[in-house]
C-alpha cells in the first residue's frame, strides 16, 4: 500500500476536543515535512504514532534538501482559522515553498505537525496526487483554495 488520500488524524481531533494535548494551532510552530511513497499513512494511529520522526513518519522516508527544504519541514506562515463561511471551519496558510534552488524527487505527500508541543503530534497528512519533483527550482505546496490544509463541514 502507499499514499491514497489526505486525512486528519483521528487522535488530533480527539486531543483538541479533550485537551489531552494543548495545541495553539495559529501561533505554534506548525511544520510541513515531505515524504516519499514508501509509507502508508493511517489516520487512525495514536498521537504518538502521528508524530514527526516516529513510526512511518521517520526521517528515513522524508524528502528534504539542506538549505532548500529543511529536514523536519518548513514552517507554515500566515496561518488562518477561518469560520466566516457558515458551512465550514477552515485551517489554512500561505502556500509553503522551498528555497529557489531545490532539487527534490519522489515527493508524494506531507505531514503537517506541531513542532512546539513535546509530542510533535501530527494534525493531518496531505497526498499530492502522485509523484512530484523539482530540479534546481522552487518546490511549492499549494494549499486547496476551498478547503485549505483541512476543513470541517458543519
Protein backbone atom coordinates (compact mmCIF):
# COMPACT_ATOMS: atom_id res chain seq x y z
CA UNK A 1 0.00 0.00 0.00
CA UNK A 2 1.04 3.63 -0.33
CA UNK A 3 -0.40 7.13 -0.36
CA UNK A 4 -4.05 7.23 -1.42
CA UNK A 5 -5.64 10.34 0.12
CA UNK A 6 -5.40 13.24 2.57
CA UNK A 7 -6.80 12.91 6.09
CA UNK A 8 -6.94 14.47 9.54
CA UNK A 9 -5.54 12.28 12.29
CA UNK A 10 -8.36 10.99 14.48
CA UNK A 11 -6.11 11.45 17.53
CA UNK A 12 -5.57 15.14 16.68
CA UNK A 13 -9.32 15.82 16.67
CA UNK A 14 -9.76 13.86 19.89
CA UNK A 15 -6.79 15.60 21.57
CA UNK A 16 -8.17 19.03 20.67
CA UNK A 17 -11.64 18.21 21.96
CA UNK A 18 -10.49 16.61 25.21
CA UNK A 19 -7.47 18.89 25.67
CA UNK A 20 -5.28 15.79 26.02
CA UNK A 21 -2.68 17.79 24.09
CA UNK A 22 -2.92 21.56 24.04
CA UNK A 23 -2.37 22.90 20.54
CA UNK A 24 -2.25 26.59 19.69
CA UNK A 25 -2.94 25.97 16.02
CA UNK A 26 -2.41 29.54 14.87
CA UNK A 27 0.70 30.54 16.84
CA UNK A 28 2.64 27.30 17.49
CA UNK A 29 5.42 26.37 15.04
CA UNK A 30 3.46 24.24 12.56
CA UNK A 31 5.77 22.48 10.09
CA UNK A 32 5.29 20.69 6.78
CA UNK A 33 7.58 17.69 6.23
CA UNK A 34 7.71 15.99 2.81
CA UNK A 35 7.62 12.20 2.33
CA UNK A 36 8.23 9.61 -0.37
CA UNK A 37 5.98 6.71 -1.38
CA UNK A 38 7.40 4.05 0.94
CA UNK A 39 4.82 4.79 3.65
CA UNK A 40 1.10 4.13 4.03
CA UNK A 41 -0.41 6.98 6.03
CA UNK A 42 -3.04 5.93 8.57
CA UNK A 43 -5.47 8.41 10.10
CA UNK A 44 -6.25 6.02 12.97
CA UNK A 45 -2.84 5.95 14.66
CA UNK A 46 -2.26 7.28 18.17
CA UNK A 47 -0.96 10.79 18.80
CA UNK A 48 2.47 9.31 19.46
CA UNK A 49 2.46 7.49 16.09
CA UNK A 50 1.27 10.56 14.18
CA UNK A 51 4.35 12.47 15.33
CA UNK A 52 7.25 13.63 13.22
CA UNK A 53 10.19 11.19 13.20
CA UNK A 54 8.14 8.36 14.72
CA UNK A 55 6.94 5.13 13.06
CA UNK A 56 6.11 5.72 9.37
CA UNK A 57 6.94 9.43 9.71
CA UNK A 58 10.60 8.62 10.40
CA UNK A 59 13.30 10.63 8.69
CA UNK A 60 14.27 7.60 6.57
CA UNK A 61 11.16 8.25 4.44
CA UNK A 62 11.44 12.05 4.49
CA UNK A 63 12.40 14.05 1.39
CA UNK A 64 14.47 17.16 2.10
CA UNK A 65 17.47 19.18 0.97
CA UNK A 66 19.61 21.26 3.32
CA UNK A 67 19.18 24.97 2.70
CA UNK A 68 16.13 24.41 0.48
CA UNK A 69 13.52 22.29 2.28
CA UNK A 70 14.85 21.55 5.76
CA UNK A 71 14.78 18.12 7.34
CA UNK A 72 11.87 18.35 9.74
CA UNK A 73 9.96 20.62 7.42
CA UNK A 74 9.20 24.19 6.52
CA UNK A 75 7.06 26.34 8.82
CA UNK A 76 3.57 27.42 7.81
CA UNK A 77 3.14 31.18 7.57
CA UNK A 78 0.08 33.44 7.60
CA UNK A 79 -2.00 30.79 9.38
CA UNK A 80 -5.73 31.48 9.43
CA UNK A 81 -8.56 29.67 11.19
CA UNK A 82 -11.47 30.79 9.00
CA UNK A 83 -15.03 30.37 10.22
CA UNK A 84 -16.53 33.14 8.08
CA UNK A 85 -18.50 30.66 5.96
CA UNK A 86 -21.47 29.23 7.82
CA UNK A 87 -20.94 25.73 6.45
CA UNK A 88 -17.24 25.22 7.26
CA UNK A 89 -14.33 25.95 9.54
CA UNK A 90 -11.13 26.00 7.51
CA UNK A 91 -7.48 25.81 8.65
CA UNK A 92 -5.23 27.35 6.05
CA UNK A 93 -1.97 29.21 5.49
CA UNK A 94 0.08 30.78 2.75
CA UNK A 95 1.40 28.29 0.19
CA UNK A 96 4.57 26.67 1.56
CA UNK A 97 7.69 26.97 -0.57
CA UNK A 98 11.29 25.78 -0.62
CA UNK A 99 14.31 27.87 -1.44
CA UNK A 100 14.82 28.78 -5.10
CA UNK A 101 17.44 26.10 -5.86
CA UNK A 102 15.71 22.97 -4.57
CA UNK A 103 16.17 19.55 -6.08
CA UNK A 104 13.58 17.20 -4.60
CA UNK A 105 12.36 13.97 -6.17
CA UNK A 106 9.67 11.37 -5.44
CA UNK A 107 7.62 13.60 -3.16
CA UNK A 108 4.17 12.08 -2.67
CA UNK A 109 2.77 13.97 0.30
CA UNK A 110 3.38 15.77 3.54
CA UNK A 111 2.87 15.61 7.27
CA UNK A 112 1.56 18.78 8.93
CA UNK A 113 2.57 18.72 12.59
CA UNK A 114 3.06 20.89 15.67
CA UNK A 115 6.75 21.33 16.39
CA UNK A 116 6.04 23.30 19.58
CA UNK A 117 4.41 20.53 21.61
CA UNK A 118 6.60 17.89 23.22
CA UNK A 119 4.85 15.15 21.24
CA UNK A 120 5.31 16.79 17.80
CA UNK A 121 1.86 15.37 17.04
CA UNK A 122 0.50 15.37 13.53
CA UNK A 123 -2.56 17.34 12.52
CA UNK A 124 -3.01 15.72 9.13
CA UNK A 125 -1.31 14.25 6.08
CA UNK A 126 -1.84 15.56 2.58
CA UNK A 127 -1.42 13.47 -0.59
CA UNK A 128 -0.18 15.33 -3.67
CA UNK A 129 -1.92 13.03 -6.17
CA UNK A 130 1.22 11.24 -7.34
CA UNK A 131 4.92 11.84 -7.53
CA UNK A 132 6.08 15.47 -7.52
CA UNK A 133 9.58 16.81 -8.04
CA UNK A 134 11.63 19.89 -8.82
CA UNK A 135 15.17 20.30 -10.16
CA UNK A 136 17.07 23.44 -9.20
CA UNK A 137 13.86 25.41 -8.65
CA UNK A 138 11.18 26.17 -6.08
CA UNK A 139 9.01 23.36 -4.68
CA UNK A 140 5.70 24.80 -3.51
CA UNK A 141 2.87 23.11 -1.63
CA UNK A 142 -0.25 24.91 -2.86
CA UNK A 143 -2.99 24.56 -0.27
CA UNK A 144 -6.52 23.98 -1.55
CA UNK A 145 -8.35 27.27 -2.18
CA UNK A 146 -11.66 25.93 -0.85
CA UNK A 147 -10.59 23.61 1.98
CA UNK A 148 -7.17 24.97 2.93
CA UNK A 149 -4.96 22.47 4.73
CA UNK A 150 -8.07 20.89 6.24
CA UNK A 151 -11.68 21.91 6.85
CA UNK A 152 -14.61 20.82 8.97
CA UNK A 153 -18.00 20.77 7.28
CA UNK A 154 -20.75 21.87 9.65
